[in-house]
Amino acid sequence: MVEEHFKDCGQITRTTIRTGPTGKPLGYAYMEFATMEAAIRSKGKNETLLMGRQITVMQKRKNLPKLKDRKPHMRSGSQNMMM
C-alpha cells in the first residue's frame, strides 16, 4: 500500500514499516529510492492522504553520536576502550 502511493516518484529500493512488539505498525516507515531525484520527488507527497490519513514526508535524519558527552570506560575483563 505504501509503495503503491509512492511508485510514481521513482524506483523504490527498500521499504521498512516499523512495528511494535505485537507486530502492529507504529505509524511510520522508511523508504529508500534508487536515485536522489526520486527521493526529492517523494517530498511532493507530503500532506497527501494514505489510507485516509494525512502523511508527512521528510528526509530521514542521520543519528550522530555526541562523543563529547560520552565518557570512556573499560568493560570488565576487556582491554578495549568504549566511547
PDB file of N, CA and C in Angstrom:
ATOM      1  N   MET A   1       0.825  -1.189   0.000  1.00  0.00           N
ATOM      2  CA  MET A   1       0.000   0.000   0.000  1.00  0.00           C
ATOM      3  C   MET A   1       0.876   1.263   0.000  1.00  0.00           C
ATOM      4  N   VAL A   2       1.908   1.297   0.847  1.00  0.00           N
ATOM      5  CA  VAL A   2       2.796   2.455   0.910  1.00  0.00           C
ATOM      6  C   VAL A   2       3.570   2.593  -0.397  1.00  0.00           C
ATOM      7  N   GLU A   3       4.120   1.503  -0.894  1.00  0.00           N
ATOM      8  CA  GLU A   3       4.885   1.557  -2.137  1.00  0.00           C
ATOM      9  C   GLU A   3       4.012   1.995  -3.307  1.00  0.00           C
ATOM     10  N   GLU A   4       2.777   1.577  -3.321  1.00  0.00           N
ATOM     11  CA  GLU A   4       1.849   1.971  -4.378  1.00  0.00           C
ATOM     12  C   GLU A   4       1.661   3.491  -4.376  1.00  0.00           C
ATOM     13  N   HIS A   5       1.588   4.079  -3.202  1.00  0.00           N
ATOM     14  CA  HIS A   5       1.388   5.524  -3.063  1.00  0.00           C
ATOM     15  C   HIS A   5       2.575   6.312  -3.628  1.00  0.00           C
ATOM     16  N   PHE A   6       3.786   5.754  -3.534  1.00  0.00           N
ATOM     17  CA  PHE A   6       5.000   6.455  -3.948  1.00  0.00           C
ATOM     18  C   PHE A   6       5.580   5.982  -5.279  1.00  0.00           C
ATOM     19  N   LYS A   7       4.923   5.041  -5.949  1.00  0.00           N
ATOM     20  CA  LYS A   7       5.509   4.439  -7.156  1.00  0.00           C
ATOM     21  C   LYS A   7       5.764   5.434  -8.276  1.00  0.00           C
ATOM     22  N   ASP A   8       4.989   6.504  -8.356  1.00  0.00           N
ATOM     23  CA  ASP A   8       5.199   7.478  -9.430  1.00  0.00           C
ATOM     24  C   ASP A   8       6.384   8.415  -9.158  1.00  0.00           C
ATOM     25  N   CYS A   9       6.998   8.309  -7.995  1.00  0.00           N
ATOM     26  CA  CYS A   9       8.173   9.129  -7.666  1.00  0.00           C
ATOM     27  C   CYS A   9       9.441   8.565  -8.296  1.00  0.00           C
ATOM     28  N   GLY A  10       9.500   7.249  -8.428  1.00  0.00           N
ATOM     29  CA  GLY A  10      10.673   6.587  -8.974  1.00  0.00           C
ATOM     30  C   GLY A  10      10.846   5.225  -8.331  1.00  0.00           C
ATOM     31  N   GLN A  11      11.933   4.562  -8.683  1.00  0.00           N
ATOM     32  CA  GLN A  11      12.176   3.211  -8.182  1.00  0.00           C
ATOM     33  C   GLN A  11      12.448   3.220  -6.679  1.00  0.00           C
ATOM     34  N   ILE A  12      11.719   2.376  -5.967  1.00  0.00           N
ATOM     35  CA  ILE A  12      11.884   2.205  -4.531  1.00  0.00           C
ATOM     36  C   ILE A  12      12.757   0.973  -4.327  1.00  0.00           C
ATOM     37  N   THR A  13      13.854   1.129  -3.600  1.00  0.00           N
ATOM     38  CA  THR A  13      14.754   0.002  -3.393  1.00  0.00           C
ATOM     39  C   THR A  13      14.517  -0.703  -2.071  1.00  0.00           C
ATOM     40  N   ARG A  14      13.918   0.011  -1.107  1.00  0.00           N
ATOM     41  CA  ARG A  14      13.648  -0.634   0.181  1.00  0.00           C
ATOM     42  C   ARG A  14      12.543   0.117   0.909  1.00  0.00           C
ATOM     43  N   THR A  15      11.669  -0.638   1.572  1.00  0.00           N
ATOM     44  CA  THR A  15      10.629  -0.072   2.419  1.00  0.00           C
ATOM     45  C   THR A  15      10.674  -0.800   3.749  1.00  0.00           C
ATOM     46  N   THR A  16      10.733  -0.039   4.825  1.00  0.00           N
ATOM     47  CA  THR A  16      10.722  -0.620   6.169  1.00  0.00           C
ATOM     48  C   THR A  16       9.587   0.014   6.942  1.00  0.00           C
ATOM     49  N   ILE A  17       8.615  -0.788   7.330  1.00  0.00           N
ATOM     50  CA  ILE A  17       7.499  -0.314   8.151  1.00  0.00           C
ATOM     51  C   ILE A  17       7.768  -0.768   9.575  1.00  0.00           C
ATOM     52  N   ARG A  18       7.975   0.181  10.473  1.00  0.00           N
ATOM     53  CA  ARG A  18       8.292  -0.142  11.867  1.00  0.00           C
ATOM     54  C   ARG A  18       7.058  -0.697  12.565  1.00  0.00           C
ATOM     55  N   THR A  19       7.284  -1.752  13.359  1.00  0.00           N
ATOM     56  CA  THR A  19       6.203  -2.383  14.110  1.00  0.00           C
ATOM     57  C   THR A  19       6.595  -2.499  15.575  1.00  0.00           C
ATOM     58  N   GLY A  20       5.590  -2.589  16.411  1.00  0.00           N
ATOM     59  CA  GLY A  20       5.813  -2.751  17.842  1.00  0.00           C
ATOM     60  C   GLY A  20       5.963  -4.210  18.205  1.00  0.00           C
ATOM     61  N   PRO A  21       6.052  -4.511  19.502  1.00  0.00           N
ATOM     62  CA  PRO A  21       6.248  -5.887  19.964  1.00  0.00           C
ATOM     63  C   PRO A  21       5.128  -6.842  19.549  1.00  0.00           C
ATOM     64  N   THR A  22       3.930  -6.297  19.344  1.00  0.00           N
ATOM     65  CA  THR A  22       2.807  -7.146  18.947  1.00  0.00           C
ATOM     66  C   THR A  22       2.724  -7.337  17.438  1.00  0.00           C
ATOM     67  N   GLY A  23       3.613  -6.646  16.693  1.00  0.00           N
ATOM     68  CA  GLY A  23       3.588  -6.747  15.239  1.00  0.00           C
ATOM     69  C   GLY A  23       2.721  -5.700  14.571  1.00  0.00           C
ATOM     70  N   LYS A  24       2.060  -4.863  15.367  1.00  0.00           N
ATOM     71  CA  LYS A  24       1.200  -3.816  14.821  1.00  0.00           C
ATOM     72  C   LYS A  24       2.071  -2.645  14.362  1.00  0.00           C
ATOM     73  N   PRO A  25       1.808  -2.072  13.168  1.00  0.00           N
ATOM     74  CA  PRO A  25       2.593  -0.938  12.689  1.00  0.00           C
ATOM     75  C   PRO A  25       2.548   0.235  13.663  1.00  0.00           C
ATOM     76  N   LEU A  26       3.694   0.908  13.820  1.00  0.00           N
ATOM     77  CA  LEU A  26       3.796   2.044  14.732  1.00  0.00           C
ATOM     78  C   LEU A  26       3.337   3.357  14.097  1.00  0.00           C
ATOM     79  N   GLY A  27       3.080   3.347  12.804  1.00  0.00           N
ATOM     80  CA  GLY A  27       2.567   4.545  12.151  1.00  0.00           C
ATOM     81  C   GLY A  27       3.607   5.311  11.354  1.00  0.00           C
ATOM     82  N   TYR A  28       4.792   4.714  11.159  1.00  0.00           N
ATOM     83  CA  TYR A  28       5.782   5.361  10.319  1.00  0.00           C
ATOM     84  C   TYR A  28       6.599   4.314   9.585  1.00  0.00           C
ATOM     85  N   ALA A  29       7.221   4.775   8.503  1.00  0.00           N
ATOM     86  CA  ALA A  29       8.005   3.863   7.663  1.00  0.00           C
ATOM     87  C   ALA A  29       9.199   4.612   7.088  1.00  0.00           C
ATOM     88  N   TYR A  30      10.174   3.850   6.633  1.00  0.00           N
ATOM     89  CA  TYR A  30      11.335   4.396   5.940  1.00  0.00           C
ATOM     90  C   TYR A  30      11.323   3.845   4.527  1.00  0.00           C
ATOM     91  N   MET A  31      11.590   4.717   3.564  1.00  0.00           N
ATOM     92  CA  MET A  31      11.668   4.281   2.172  1.00  0.00           C
ATOM     93  C   MET A  31      12.996   4.741   1.597  1.00  0.00           C
ATOM     94  N   GLU A  32      13.596   3.884   0.804  1.00  0.00           N
ATOM     95  CA  GLU A  32      14.841   4.218   0.121  1.00  0.00           C
ATOM     96  C   GLU A  32      14.565   4.179  -1.366  1.00  0.00           C
ATOM     97  N   PHE A  33      14.996   5.222  -2.058  1.00  0.00           N
ATOM     98  CA  PHE A  33      14.795   5.316  -3.502  1.00  0.00           C
ATOM     99  C   PHE A  33      16.112   5.092  -4.227  1.00  0.00           C
ATOM    100  N   ALA A  34      16.019   4.660  -5.469  1.00  0.00           N
ATOM    101  CA  ALA A  34      17.207   4.342  -6.263  1.00  0.00           C
ATOM    102  C   ALA A  34      17.996   5.587  -6.630  1.00  0.00           C
ATOM    103  N   THR A  35      17.329   6.724  -6.752  1.00  0.00           N
ATOM    104  CA  THR A  35      18.015   7.955  -7.141  1.00  0.00           C
ATOM    105  C   THR A  35      17.629   9.099  -6.204  1.00  0.00           C
ATOM    106  N   MET A  36      18.490  10.086  -6.160  1.00  0.00           N
ATOM    107  CA  MET A  36      18.199  11.283  -5.364  1.00  0.00           C
ATOM    108  C   MET A  36      16.989  12.012  -5.932  1.00  0.00           C
ATOM    109  N   GLU A  37      16.851  12.003  -7.252  1.00  0.00           N
ATOM    110  CA  GLU A  37      15.718  12.665  -7.893  1.00  0.00           C
ATOM    111  C   GLU A  37      14.394  12.055  -7.439  1.00  0.00           C
ATOM    112  N   ALA A  38      14.357  10.729  -7.325  1.00  0.00           N
ATOM    113  CA  ALA A  38      13.139  10.055  -6.865  1.00  0.00           C
ATOM    114  C   ALA A  38      12.836  10.437  -5.416  1.00  0.00           C
ATOM    115  N   ALA A  39      13.875  10.510  -4.604  1.00  0.00           N
ATOM    116  CA  ALA A  39      13.680  10.898  -3.205  1.00  0.00           C
ATOM    117  C   ALA A  39      13.146  12.322  -3.110  1.00  0.00           C
ATOM    118  N   ILE A  40      13.674  13.201  -3.936  1.00  0.00           N
ATOM    119  CA  ILE A  40      13.193  14.588  -3.941  1.00  0.00           C
ATOM    120  C   ILE A  40      11.744  14.651  -4.399  1.00  0.00           C
ATOM    121  N   ARG A  41      11.399  13.863  -5.431  1.00  0.00           N
ATOM    122  CA  ARG A  41      10.002  13.833  -5.899  1.00  0.00           C
ATOM    123  C   ARG A  41       9.069  13.320  -4.818  1.00  0.00           C
ATOM    124  N   SER A  42       9.554  12.419  -3.975  1.00  0.00           N
ATOM    125  CA  SER A  42       8.690  11.859  -2.921  1.00  0.00           C
ATOM    126  C   SER A  42       8.238  12.924  -1.931  1.00  0.00           C
ATOM    127  N   LYS A  43       9.025  13.991  -1.789  1.00  0.00           N
ATOM    128  CA  LYS A  43       8.622  15.081  -0.889  1.00  0.00           C
ATOM    129  C   LYS A  43       7.346  15.765  -1.368  1.00  0.00           C
ATOM    130  N   GLY A  44       7.038  15.606  -2.650  1.00  0.00           N
ATOM    131  CA  GLY A  44       5.787  16.133  -3.190  1.00  0.00           C
ATOM    132  C   GLY A  44       4.564  15.416  -2.638  1.00  0.00           C
ATOM    133  N   LYS A  45       4.775  14.278  -1.990  1.00  0.00           N
ATOM    134  CA  LYS A  45       3.670  13.516  -1.383  1.00  0.00           C
ATOM    135  C   LYS A  45       3.377  13.984   0.047  1.00  0.00           C
ATOM    136  N   ASN A  46       4.160  14.957   0.534  1.00  0.00           N
ATOM    137  CA  ASN A  46       3.937  15.471   1.880  1.00  0.00           C
ATOM    138  C   ASN A  46       2.510  16.020   2.007  1.00  0.00           C
ATOM    139  N   GLU A  47       1.859  15.694   3.096  1.00  0.00           N
ATOM    140  CA  GLU A  47       0.499  16.128   3.423  1.00  0.00           C
ATOM    141  C   GLU A  47      -0.562  15.558   2.482  1.00  0.00           C
ATOM    142  N   THR A  48      -0.232  14.454   1.782  1.00  0.00           N
ATOM    143  CA  THR A  48      -1.253  13.764   0.994  1.00  0.00           C
ATOM    144  C   THR A  48      -1.917  12.715   1.879  1.00  0.00           C
ATOM    145  N   LEU A  49      -2.987  12.123   1.397  1.00  0.00           N
ATOM    146  CA  LEU A  49      -3.697  11.111   2.169  1.00  0.00           C
ATOM    147  C   LEU A  49      -3.270   9.708   1.763  1.00  0.00           C
ATOM    148  N   LEU A  50      -3.006   8.875   2.739  1.00  0.00           N
ATOM    149  CA  LEU A  50      -2.687   7.468   2.537  1.00  0.00           C
ATOM    150  C   LEU A  50      -3.566   6.674   3.489  1.00  0.00           C
ATOM    151  N   MET A  51      -4.413   5.852   2.925  1.00  0.00           N
ATOM    152  CA  MET A  51      -5.362   5.057   3.721  1.00  0.00           C
ATOM    153  C   MET A  51      -6.206   5.948   4.640  1.00  0.00           C
ATOM    154  N   GLY A  52      -6.588   7.113   4.113  1.00  0.00           N
ATOM    155  CA  GLY A  52      -7.450   8.020   4.849  1.00  0.00           C
ATOM    156  C   GLY A  52      -6.749   8.882   5.888  1.00  0.00           C
ATOM    157  N   ARG A  53      -5.410   8.794   5.959  1.00  0.00           N
ATOM    158  CA  ARG A  53      -4.656   9.588   6.938  1.00  0.00           C
ATOM    159  C   ARG A  53      -3.669  10.483   6.219  1.00  0.00           C
ATOM    160  N   GLN A  54      -3.542  11.726   6.708  1.00  0.00           N
ATOM    161  CA  GLN A  54      -2.574  12.649   6.128  1.00  0.00           C
ATOM    162  C   GLN A  54      -1.171  12.215   6.551  1.00  0.00           C
ATOM    163  N   ILE A  55      -0.264  12.177   5.576  1.00  0.00           N
ATOM    164  CA  ILE A  55       1.099  11.738   5.878  1.00  0.00           C
ATOM    165  C   ILE A  55       2.081  12.915   5.809  1.00  0.00           C
ATOM    166  N   THR A  56       3.182  12.757   6.504  1.00  0.00           N
ATOM    167  CA  THR A  56       4.279  13.715   6.466  1.00  0.00           C
ATOM    168  C   THR A  56       5.474  13.010   5.854  1.00  0.00           C
ATOM    169  N   VAL A  57       6.076  13.633   4.859  1.00  0.00           N
ATOM    170  CA  VAL A  57       7.236  13.060   4.188  1.00  0.00           C
ATOM    171  C   VAL A  57       8.436  13.951   4.501  1.00  0.00           C
ATOM    172  N   MET A  58       9.482  13.344   5.038  1.00  0.00           N
ATOM    173  CA  MET A  58      10.696  14.098   5.331  1.00  0.00           C
ATOM    174  C   MET A  58      11.902  13.198   5.149  1.00  0.00           C
ATOM    175  N   GLN A  59      13.034  13.827   4.936  1.00  0.00           N
ATOM    176  CA  GLN A  59      14.265  13.074   4.805  1.00  0.00           C
ATOM    177  C   GLN A  59      14.628  12.497   6.164  1.00  0.00           C
ATOM    178  N   LYS A  60      15.084  11.260   6.155  1.00  0.00           N
ATOM    179  CA  LYS A  60      15.487  10.624   7.408  1.00  0.00           C
ATOM    180  C   LYS A  60      16.702  11.355   7.953  1.00  0.00           C
ATOM    181  N   ARG A  61      16.657  11.657   9.234  1.00  0.00           N
ATOM    182  CA  ARG A  61      17.811  12.328   9.837  1.00  0.00           C
ATOM    183  C   ARG A  61      18.883  11.301  10.136  1.00  0.00           C
ATOM    184  N   LYS A  62      20.097  11.746  10.169  1.00  0.00           N
ATOM    185  CA  LYS A  62      21.211  10.871  10.493  1.00  0.00           C
ATOM    186  C   LYS A  62      21.471  10.947  11.987  1.00  0.00           C
ATOM    187  N   ASN A  63      21.659   9.808  12.609  1.00  0.00           N
ATOM    188  CA  ASN A  63      21.988   9.763  14.026  1.00  0.00           C
ATOM    189  C   ASN A  63      23.491   9.942  14.172  1.00  0.00           C
ATOM    190  N   LEU A  64      23.884  11.018  14.774  1.00  0.00           N
ATOM    191  CA  LEU A  64      25.291  11.280  15.014  1.00  0.00           C
ATOM    192  C   LEU A  64      25.542  11.253  16.517  1.00  0.00           C
ATOM    193  N   PRO A  65      26.420  10.372  16.972  1.00  0.00           N
ATOM    194  CA  PRO A  65      26.663  10.292  18.411  1.00  0.00           C
ATOM    195  C   PRO A  65      27.318  11.564  18.930  1.00  0.00           C
ATOM    196  N   LYS A  66      26.978  11.931  20.129  1.00  0.00           N
ATOM    197  CA  LYS A  66      27.576  13.091  20.783  1.00  0.00           C
ATOM    198  C   LYS A  66      28.768  12.594  21.586  1.00  0.00           C
ATOM    199  N   LEU A  67      29.889  12.478  20.925  1.00  0.00           N
ATOM    200  CA  LEU A  67      31.071  11.914  21.571  1.00  0.00           C
ATOM    201  C   LEU A  67      31.549  12.765  22.741  1.00  0.00           C
ATOM    202  N   LYS A  68      31.351  14.075  22.678  1.00  0.00           N
ATOM    203  CA  LYS A  68      31.830  14.926  23.761  1.00  0.00           C
ATOM    204  C   LYS A  68      31.060  14.663  25.058  1.00  0.00           C
ATOM    205  N   ASP A  69      29.823  14.151  24.949  1.00  0.00           N
ATOM    206  CA  ASP A  69      29.018  13.879  26.133  1.00  0.00           C
ATOM    207  C   ASP A  69      29.285  12.506  26.731  1.00  0.00           C
ATOM    208  N   ARG A  70      30.013  11.668  25.999  1.00  0.00           N
ATOM    209  CA  ARG A  70      30.283  10.312  26.468  1.00  0.00           C
ATOM    210  C   ARG A  70      31.631  10.248  27.150  1.00  0.00           C
ATOM    211  N   LYS A  71      31.688   9.509  28.226  1.00  0.00           N
ATOM    212  CA  LYS A  71      32.944   9.327  28.933  1.00  0.00           C
ATOM    213  C   LYS A  71      33.457   7.924  28.639  1.00  0.00           C
ATOM    214  N   PRO A  72      34.736   7.785  28.302  1.00  0.00           N
ATOM    215  CA  PRO A  72      35.269   6.444  28.040  1.00  0.00           C
ATOM    216  C   PRO A  72      35.267   5.615  29.316  1.00  0.00           C
ATOM    217  N   HIS A  73      35.001   4.340  29.160  1.00  0.00           N
ATOM    218  CA  HIS A  73      35.042   3.423  30.290  1.00  0.00           C
ATOM    219  C   HIS A  73      35.544   2.069  29.825  1.00  0.00           C
ATOM    220  N   MET A  74      36.001   1.286  30.743  1.00  0.00           N
ATOM    221  CA  MET A  74      36.519  -0.047  30.426  1.00  0.00           C
ATOM    222  C   MET A  74      35.462  -1.081  30.785  1.00  0.00           C
ATOM    223  N   ARG A  75      35.317  -2.059  29.917  1.00  0.00           N
ATOM    224  CA  ARG A  75      34.474  -3.208  30.246  1.00  0.00           C
ATOM    225  C   ARG A  75      35.252  -4.116  31.168  1.00  0.00           C
ATOM    226  N   SER A  76      34.562  -4.784  32.025  1.00  0.00           N
ATOM    227  CA  SER A  76      35.218  -5.725  32.917  1.00  0.00           C
ATOM    228  C   SER A  76      35.881  -6.824  32.098  1.00  0.00           C
ATOM    229  N   GLY A  77      37.191  -7.020  32.292  1.00  0.00           N
ATOM    230  CA  GLY A  77      37.909  -8.061  31.579  1.00  0.00           C
ATOM    231  C   GLY A  77      38.273  -7.711  30.155  1.00  0.00           C
ATOM    232  N   SER A  78      38.056  -6.473  29.743  1.00  0.00           N
ATOM    233  CA  SER A  78      38.329  -6.074  28.369  1.00  0.00           C
ATOM    234  C   SER A  78      39.457  -5.066  28.316  1.00  0.00           C
ATOM    235  N   GLN A  79      40.218  -5.091  27.231  1.00  0.00           N
ATOM    236  CA  GLN A  79      41.301  -4.131  27.023  1.00  0.00           C
ATOM    237  C   GLN A  79      40.862  -3.029  26.060  1.00  0.00           C
ATOM    238  N   ASN A  80      39.635  -3.068  25.578  1.00  0.00           N
ATOM    239  CA  ASN A  80      39.146  -2.099  24.606  1.00  0.00           C
ATOM    240  C   ASN A  80      38.475  -0.933  25.304  1.00  0.00           C
ATOM    241  N   MET A  81      38.755   0.273  24.809  1.00  0.00           N
ATOM    242  CA  MET A  81      38.086   1.446  25.331  1.00  0.00           C
ATOM    243  C   MET A  81      36.723   1.560  24.644  1.00  0.00           C
ATOM    244  N   MET A  82      35.701   1.832  25.371  1.00  0.00           N
ATOM    245  CA  MET A  82      34.360   2.051  24.828  1.00  0.00           C
ATOM    246  C   MET A  82      34.063   3.537  24.896  1.00  0.00           C
ATOM    247  N   MET A  83      33.569   4.082  23.809  1.00  0.00           N
ATOM    248  CA  MET A  83      33.237   5.503  23.804  1.00  0.00           C
ATOM    249  C   MET A  83      31.796   5.690  23.449  1.00  0.00           C
TER     250      MET A  83
END
